[in-house]
C-alpha atoms as a PDB file:
ATOM      1  CA  MET A   1      96.687  81.029  81.813  1.00  0.00           C
ATOM      2  CA  LEU A   2      94.347  84.002  81.169  1.00  0.00           C
ATOM      3  CA  LEU A   3      90.668  83.282  80.574  1.00  0.00           C
ATOM      4  CA  VAL A   4      88.078  85.887  79.639  1.00  0.00           C
ATOM      5  CA  VAL A   5      84.934  85.741  81.747  1.00  0.00           C
ATOM      6  CA  PHE A   6      81.875  87.964  81.397  1.00  0.00           C
ATOM      7  CA  THR A   7      80.305  89.583  84.424  1.00  0.00           C
ATOM      8  CA  THR A   8      76.975  91.363  84.793  1.00  0.00           C
ATOM      9  CA  GLY A   9      78.549  94.481  83.285  1.00  0.00           C
ATOM     10  CA  SER A  10      79.166  95.017  79.597  1.00  0.00           C
ATOM     11  CA  SER A  11      82.946  94.599  79.633  1.00  0.00           C
ATOM     12  CA  PRO A  12      84.847  91.324  80.008  1.00  0.00           C
ATOM     13  CA  ARG A  13      87.243  90.776  82.896  1.00  0.00           C
ATOM     14  CA  LEU A  14      90.328  88.649  82.998  1.00  0.00           C
ATOM     15  CA  LYS A  15      90.228  85.476  85.016  1.00  0.00           C
ATOM     16  CA  VAL A  16      93.787  85.141  86.245  1.00  0.00           C
ATOM     17  CA  THR A  17      95.269  81.877  87.464  1.00  0.00           C
ATOM     18  CA  VAL A  18      98.612  81.336  89.197  1.00  0.00           C
ATOM     19  CA  ASN A  19     100.435  78.471  90.835  1.00  0.00           C
ATOM     20  CA  LEU A  20     100.103  78.257  94.589  1.00  0.00           C
ATOM     21  CA  ALA A  21     103.307  79.361  96.273  1.00  0.00           C
ATOM     22  CA  ASP A  22     105.489  76.509  97.480  1.00  0.00           C
ATOM     23  CA  GLY A  23     107.168  78.905  99.918  1.00  0.00           C
ATOM     24  CA  PHE A  24     108.400  82.472 100.310  1.00  0.00           C
ATOM     25  CA  ASP A  25     111.944  83.890 100.147  1.00  0.00           C
ATOM     26  CA  PHE A  26     113.397  87.290 100.898  1.00  0.00           C
ATOM     27  CA  PRO A  27     113.434  89.778  97.990  1.00  0.00           C
ATOM     28  CA  VAL A  28     117.178  90.478  98.319  1.00  0.00           C
ATOM     29  CA  GLY A  29     120.212  88.240  98.735  1.00  0.00           C
ATOM     30  CA  LYS A  30     118.117  85.219  97.776  1.00  0.00           C
ATOM     31  CA  PRO A  31     116.993  83.179  99.432  1.00  0.00           C
ATOM     32  CA  ASN A  32     118.031  84.324 102.929  1.00  0.00           C
ATOM     33  CA  ALA A  33     118.853  88.048 102.531  1.00  0.00           C
ATOM     34  CA  ASP A  34     122.570  87.217 102.629  1.00  0.00           C
ATOM     35  CA  GLY A  35     124.616  90.429 102.485  1.00  0.00           C
ATOM     36  CA  TYR A  36     121.689  92.633 103.504  1.00  0.00           C
ATOM     37  CA  TYR A  37     120.147  93.926 106.711  1.00  0.00           C
ATOM     38  CA  LYS A  38     116.761  95.313 107.696  1.00  0.00           C
ATOM     39  CA  ALA A  39     117.419  98.992 108.298  1.00  0.00           C
ATOM     40  CA  ARG A  40     113.824  99.879 109.147  1.00  0.00           C
ATOM     41  CA  GLY A  41     110.833  97.745 110.048  1.00  0.00           C
ATOM     42  CA  LEU A  42     107.058  97.892 109.964  1.00  0.00           C
ATOM     43  CA  ARG A  43     105.574 100.620 112.171  1.00  0.00           C
ATOM     44  CA  LEU A  44     101.809 101.171 112.047  1.00  0.00           C
ATOM     45  CA  ARG A  45     101.672 104.011 114.553  1.00  0.00           C
ATOM     46  CA  SER A  46     102.942 107.513 113.852  1.00  0.00           C
ATOM     47  CA  PRO A  47     105.412 108.065 112.283  1.00  0.00           C
ATOM     48  CA  ARG A  48     104.168 105.187 110.130  1.00  0.00           C
ATOM     49  CA  HIS A  49     106.284 102.946 107.976  1.00  0.00           C
ATOM     50  CA  TYR A  50     104.206 100.323 106.169  1.00  0.00           C
ATOM     51  CA  GLY A  51     106.942  97.858 105.366  1.00  0.00           C
ATOM     52  CA  GLU A  52     110.624  97.081 105.700  1.00  0.00           C
ATOM     53  CA  ASP A  53     113.668  98.824 104.231  1.00  0.00           C
ATOM     54  CA  TRP A  54     116.444  96.469 103.130  1.00  0.00           C
ATOM     55  CA  ASN A  55     119.999  97.744 102.679  1.00  0.00           C
ATOM     56  CA  GLY A  56     123.237  96.160 101.544  1.00  0.00           C
ATOM     57  CA  ARG A  57     125.768  95.670 104.330  1.00  0.00           C
ATOM     58  CA  GLY A  58     128.245  97.861 102.451  1.00  0.00           C
ATOM     59  CA  GLY A  59     126.143 100.927 103.326  1.00  0.00           C
ATOM     60  CA  GLY A  60     125.393 104.039 101.311  1.00  0.00           C
ATOM     61  CA  ASN A  61     124.665 103.334  97.665  1.00  0.00           C
ATOM     62  CA  THR A  62     126.770 100.168  97.477  1.00  0.00           C
ATOM     63  CA  ASP A  63     123.623  98.128  96.824  1.00  0.00           C
ATOM     64  CA  TYR A  64     122.408 100.360  93.990  1.00  0.00           C
ATOM     65  CA  GLY A  65     121.479  98.161  91.023  1.00  0.00           C
ATOM     66  CA  ASP A  66     121.465  94.933  93.039  1.00  0.00           C
ATOM     67  CA  PRO A  67     118.782  92.381  92.071  1.00  0.00           C
ATOM     68  CA  VAL A  68     115.296  92.357  93.562  1.00  0.00           C
ATOM     69  CA  TYR A  69     113.649  88.943  93.389  1.00  0.00           C
ATOM     70  CA  ALA A  70     110.089  87.630  93.367  1.00  0.00           C
ATOM     71  CA  VAL A  71     109.379  86.225  96.824  1.00  0.00           C
ATOM     72  CA  ALA A  72     107.178  83.433  95.413  1.00  0.00           C
ATOM     73  CA  ASP A  73     105.337  82.285  92.299  1.00  0.00           C
ATOM     74  CA  GLY A  74     102.676  84.817  91.367  1.00  0.00           C
ATOM     75  CA  ILE A  75     101.694  87.567  88.951  1.00  0.00           C
ATOM     76  CA  VAL A  76     102.647  91.216  88.437  1.00  0.00           C
ATOM     77  CA  THR A  77      99.663  93.472  89.171  1.00  0.00           C
ATOM     78  CA  ILE A  78     101.406  96.848  88.712  1.00  0.00           C
ATOM     79  CA  ALA A  79     104.791  97.799  87.234  1.00  0.00           C
ATOM     80  CA  HIS A  80     105.074 101.569  86.884  1.00  0.00           C
ATOM     81  CA  ASP A  81     107.128 104.676  87.650  1.00  0.00           C
ATOM     82  CA  PHE A  82     104.999 106.689  90.095  1.00  0.00           C
ATOM     83  CA  ARG A  83     107.731 109.321  90.689  1.00  0.00           C
ATOM     84  CA  ARG A  84     106.978 111.484  93.789  1.00  0.00           C
ATOM     85  CA  GLY A  85     108.169 109.586  96.858  1.00  0.00           C
ATOM     86  CA  TRP A  86     107.767 106.215  95.179  1.00  0.00           C
ATOM     87  CA  GLY A  87     109.760 106.044  91.971  1.00  0.00           C
ATOM     88  CA  ASN A  88     109.599 102.698  90.195  1.00  0.00           C
ATOM     89  CA  VAL A  89     107.225 100.218  91.827  1.00  0.00           C
ATOM     90  CA  VAL A  90     106.480  96.560  91.174  1.00  0.00           C
ATOM     91  CA  LEU A  91     103.417  95.100  92.891  1.00  0.00           C
ATOM     92  CA  THR A  92     102.920  91.351  92.784  1.00  0.00           C
ATOM     93  CA  ARG A  93     100.138  89.016  93.943  1.00  0.00           C
ATOM     94  CA  HIS A  94     100.632  85.540  95.355  1.00  0.00           C
ATOM     95  CA  ALA A  95      98.316  82.725  96.409  1.00  0.00           C
ATOM     96  CA  TYR A  96      99.219  80.218  99.111  1.00  0.00           C
ATOM     97  CA  ARG A  97      97.500  77.567 101.174  1.00  0.00           C
ATOM     98  CA  ASP A  98      97.445  78.461 104.850  1.00  0.00           C
ATOM     99  CA  PRO A  99      99.070  75.501 106.622  1.00  0.00           C
ATOM    100  CA  LYS A 100      96.848  76.018 109.683  1.00  0.00           C
ATOM    101  CA  THR A 101      93.427  76.307 108.047  1.00  0.00           C
ATOM    102  CA  GLY A 102      94.015  74.656 104.662  1.00  0.00           C
ATOM    103  CA  LYS A 103      92.359  77.635 102.966  1.00  0.00           C
ATOM    104  CA  VAL A 104      93.823  79.459  99.976  1.00  0.00           C
ATOM    105  CA  LYS A 105      94.852  83.006 100.902  1.00  0.00           C
ATOM    106  CA  TYR A 106      96.360  85.882  98.958  1.00  0.00           C
ATOM    107  CA  VAL A 107      99.164  88.313  99.650  1.00  0.00           C
ATOM    108  CA  ASP A 108     100.233  91.446  97.789  1.00  0.00           C
ATOM    109  CA  VAL A 109     103.895  92.458  97.759  1.00  0.00           C
ATOM    110  CA  LEU A 110     105.141  95.981  97.008  1.00  0.00           C
ATOM    111  CA  ASN A 111     108.735  96.649  95.928  1.00  0.00           C
ATOM    112  CA  GLY A 112     109.485 100.364  95.837  1.00  0.00           C
ATOM    113  CA  HIS A 113     112.188 102.905  94.843  1.00  0.00           C
ATOM    114  CA  LEU A 114     113.544 100.566  92.159  1.00  0.00           C
ATOM    115  CA  ALA A 115     116.266 101.665  89.743  1.00  0.00           C
ATOM    116  CA  LYS A 116     114.875  99.403  87.019  1.00  0.00           C
ATOM    117  CA  ILE A 117     111.655  97.488  86.439  1.00  0.00           C
ATOM    118  CA  LEU A 118     112.331  94.178  84.683  1.00  0.00           C
ATOM    119  CA  VAL A 119     108.752  92.883  84.402  1.00  0.00           C
ATOM    120  CA  LYS A 120     105.446  94.218  83.154  1.00  0.00           C
ATOM    121  CA  GLN A 121     101.872  94.084  84.360  1.00  0.00           C
ATOM    122  CA  GLY A 122     100.342  90.657  83.773  1.00  0.00           C
ATOM    123  CA  ASP A 123     103.630  88.750  83.751  1.00  0.00           C
ATOM    124  CA  LYS A 124     103.603  85.412  85.546  1.00  0.00           C
ATOM    125  CA  ILE A 125     106.634  85.239  87.828  1.00  0.00           C
ATOM    126  CA  LYS A 126     108.523  82.436  89.522  1.00  0.00           C
ATOM    127  CA  ARG A 127     109.987  82.360  93.002  1.00  0.00           C
ATOM    128  CA  GLY A 128     113.499  83.825  92.816  1.00  0.00           C
ATOM    129  CA  GLU A 129     112.979  85.487  89.425  1.00  0.00           C
ATOM    130  CA  LYS A 130     114.645  88.873  89.025  1.00  0.00           C
ATOM    131  CA  ILE A 131     111.894  91.522  88.806  1.00  0.00           C
ATOM    132  CA  GLY A 132     113.854  94.749  89.309  1.00  0.00           C
ATOM    133  CA  THR A 133     116.942  96.366  90.786  1.00  0.00           C
ATOM    134  CA  ILE A 134     117.502  98.351  93.967  1.00  0.00           C
ATOM    135  CA  GLY A 135     117.338 102.108  93.483  1.00  0.00           C
ATOM    136  CA  SER A 136     117.162 105.451  95.251  1.00  0.00           C
ATOM    137  CA  ASN A 137     114.162 107.098  93.575  1.00  0.00           C
ATOM    138  CA  ARG A 138     116.444 109.316  91.484  1.00  0.00           C
ATOM    139  CA  GLY A 139     118.684 110.162  94.448  1.00  0.00           C
ATOM    140  CA  MET A 140     115.874 111.068  96.853  1.00  0.00           C
ATOM    141  CA  TYR A 141     117.109 108.405  99.302  1.00  0.00           C
ATOM    142  CA  PRO A 142     120.233 106.331  99.844  1.00  0.00           C
ATOM    143  CA  ALA A 143     119.756 103.163  97.791  1.00  0.00           C
ATOM    144  CA  HIS A 144     117.513 100.585  99.457  1.00  0.00           C
ATOM    145  CA  LEU A 145     114.488  98.403  98.800  1.00  0.00           C
ATOM    146  CA  HIS A 146     111.188  99.439 100.348  1.00  0.00           C
ATOM    147  CA  PHE A 147     109.288  96.170 100.787  1.00  0.00           C
ATOM    148  CA  GLU A 148     105.679  95.661 101.913  1.00  0.00           C
ATOM    149  CA  MET A 149     103.501  92.562 102.330  1.00  0.00           C
ATOM    150  CA  ARG A 150      99.734  92.933 102.683  1.00  0.00           C
ATOM    151  CA  HIS A 151      96.789  90.764 103.661  1.00  0.00           C
ATOM    152  CA  ASN A 152      94.492  93.333 102.033  1.00  0.00           C
ATOM    153  CA  ILE A 153      94.763  92.998  98.261  1.00  0.00           C
ATOM    154  CA  ALA A 154      92.641  96.082  97.537  1.00  0.00           C
ATOM    155  CA  ILE A 155      95.154  98.670  98.779  1.00  0.00           C
ATOM    156  CA  GLY A 156      97.270  99.038  95.647  1.00  0.00           C
ATOM    157  CA  MET A 157      98.850 102.497  95.799  1.00  0.00           C
ATOM    158  CA  HIS A 158      96.182 103.868  98.167  1.00  0.00           C
ATOM    159  CA  ARG A 159      97.689 103.123 101.573  1.00  0.00           C
ATOM    160  CA  ASN A 160      95.485 105.633 103.384  1.00  0.00           C
ATOM    161  CA  SER A 161      92.316 103.881 102.191  1.00  0.00           C
ATOM    162  CA  VAL A 162      92.362 101.404 105.108  1.00  0.00           C
ATOM    163  CA  PRO A 163      93.252 101.619 108.812  1.00  0.00           C
ATOM    164  CA  PRO A 164      96.940 101.031 109.623  1.00  0.00           C
ATOM    165  CA  THR A 165      96.498  97.677 111.363  1.00  0.00           C
ATOM    166  CA  LEU A 166      97.761  94.116 111.056  1.00  0.00           C
ATOM    167  CA  ASP A 167      94.373  93.199 109.577  1.00  0.00           C
ATOM    168  CA  HIS A 168      95.671  94.804 106.389  1.00  0.00           C
ATOM    169  CA  TRP A 169      99.474  94.648 106.595  1.00  0.00           C
ATOM    170  CA  MET A 170     101.835  91.954 107.791  1.00  0.00           C
ATOM    171  CA  VAL A 171     105.362  91.981 109.187  1.00  0.00           C
ATOM    172  CA  PRO A 172     107.271  90.757 106.106  1.00  0.00           C
ATOM    173  CA  THR A 173     110.175  89.052 107.881  1.00  0.00           C
ATOM    174  CA  ASP A 174     107.843  87.201 110.261  1.00  0.00           C
ATOM    175  CA  PHE A 175     105.611  86.017 107.422  1.00  0.00           C
ATOM    176  CA  ILE A 176     108.508  84.846 105.266  1.00  0.00           C
ATOM    177  CA  ASN A 177     110.182  83.002 108.125  1.00  0.00           C
ATOM    178  CA  LYS A 178     106.927  81.177 108.920  1.00  0.00           C
ATOM    179  CA  HIS A 179     106.230  80.264 105.284  1.00  0.00           C
ATOM    180  CA  ARG A 180     109.637  79.335 103.868  1.00  0.00           C
ATOM    181  CA  ARG A 181     108.424  75.922 102.735  1.00  0.00           C
ATOM    182  CA  LEU A 182     104.898  75.040 101.671  1.00  0.00           C
ATOM    183  CA  ASN A 183     103.577  71.953  99.939  1.00  0.00           C
ATOM    184  CA  ARG A 184     103.883  72.046  96.152  1.00  0.00           C
ATOM    185  CA  GLU A 185     100.500  71.870  94.405  1.00  0.00           C
ATOM    186  CA  TRP A 186     100.380  71.582  90.642  1.00  0.00           C
ATOM    187  CA  ARG A 187      96.840  72.783  89.973  1.00  0.00           C
ATOM    188  CA  PRO A 188      96.688  76.584  89.453  1.00  0.00           C
ATOM    189  CA  VAL A 189      94.155  78.688  91.318  1.00  0.00           C
ATOM    190  CA  VAL A 190      92.229  81.805  90.360  1.00  0.00           C
ATOM    191  CA  VAL A 191      93.385  85.037  91.983  1.00  0.00           C
ATOM    192  CA  PRO A 192      91.120  88.078  92.245  1.00  0.00           C
ATOM    193  CA  SER A 193      91.712  90.802  89.673  1.00  0.00           C
ATOM    194  CA  GLY A 194      90.487  94.379  89.383  1.00  0.00           C
ATOM    195  CA  THR A 195      90.860  94.986  93.129  1.00  0.00           C
ATOM    196  CA  TYR A 196      92.766  98.305  92.947  1.00  0.00           C
ATOM    197  CA  LYS A 197      91.467 101.829  92.554  1.00  0.00           C
ATOM    198  CA  GLU A 198      93.022 103.818  89.741  1.00  0.00           C
ATOM    199  CA  TYR A 199      96.004 105.928  90.806  1.00  0.00           C
ATOM    200  CA  ASP A 200      97.087 108.871  88.620  1.00  0.00           C
ATOM    201  CA  GLY A 201      95.720 107.115  85.563  1.00  0.00           C
ATOM    202  CA  VAL A 202      97.370 103.800  86.423  1.00  0.00           C
ATOM    203  CA  GLU A 203      95.077 100.838  86.909  1.00  0.00           C
ATOM    204  CA  GLY A 204      96.354  97.503  88.179  1.00  0.00           C
ATOM    205  CA  LEU A 205      95.594  94.068  86.820  1.00  0.00           C
END
């Protein structure tokens, strides 16, 4: 559901609601990354790597064109070809209830170097839905999925805008393993919108 709400400015903003995630799966080989391995992990000290790289066990480009799945119910905040070192990127936003505190929290997920984008900005997505395919950024890299999960939902495509710490990023595999199953709640919740800075003329939801 999209509702228009008016703020103190002159232009309306979208009030975006999504279902709370009932759990999180891996973005490849759903739901348990079957047939894939983590070739590179999160590293927040130099040389930095802000997420995980997932490769098919066949090696090389054998996983080129394989499905990339939504890790949970949510919404697409950016779906765009950024070229450069990124290629096709799909950013998604998810809301979940923290089982320890009971509070609703948000997580942004970045899927990079895709061969194809199969969703568009503003699309509501379901856990396990196909949102893209594994690519190589036009041959710049061997085919793999670059996969990030973030506590900070203001980063967007500006990774250098915040310190490289676990206050902003999370270890994707650890988070997914700890949140595989969450209670199903049927009432949708509002997720923040308009949190990204514009990047090369591209503005997120």
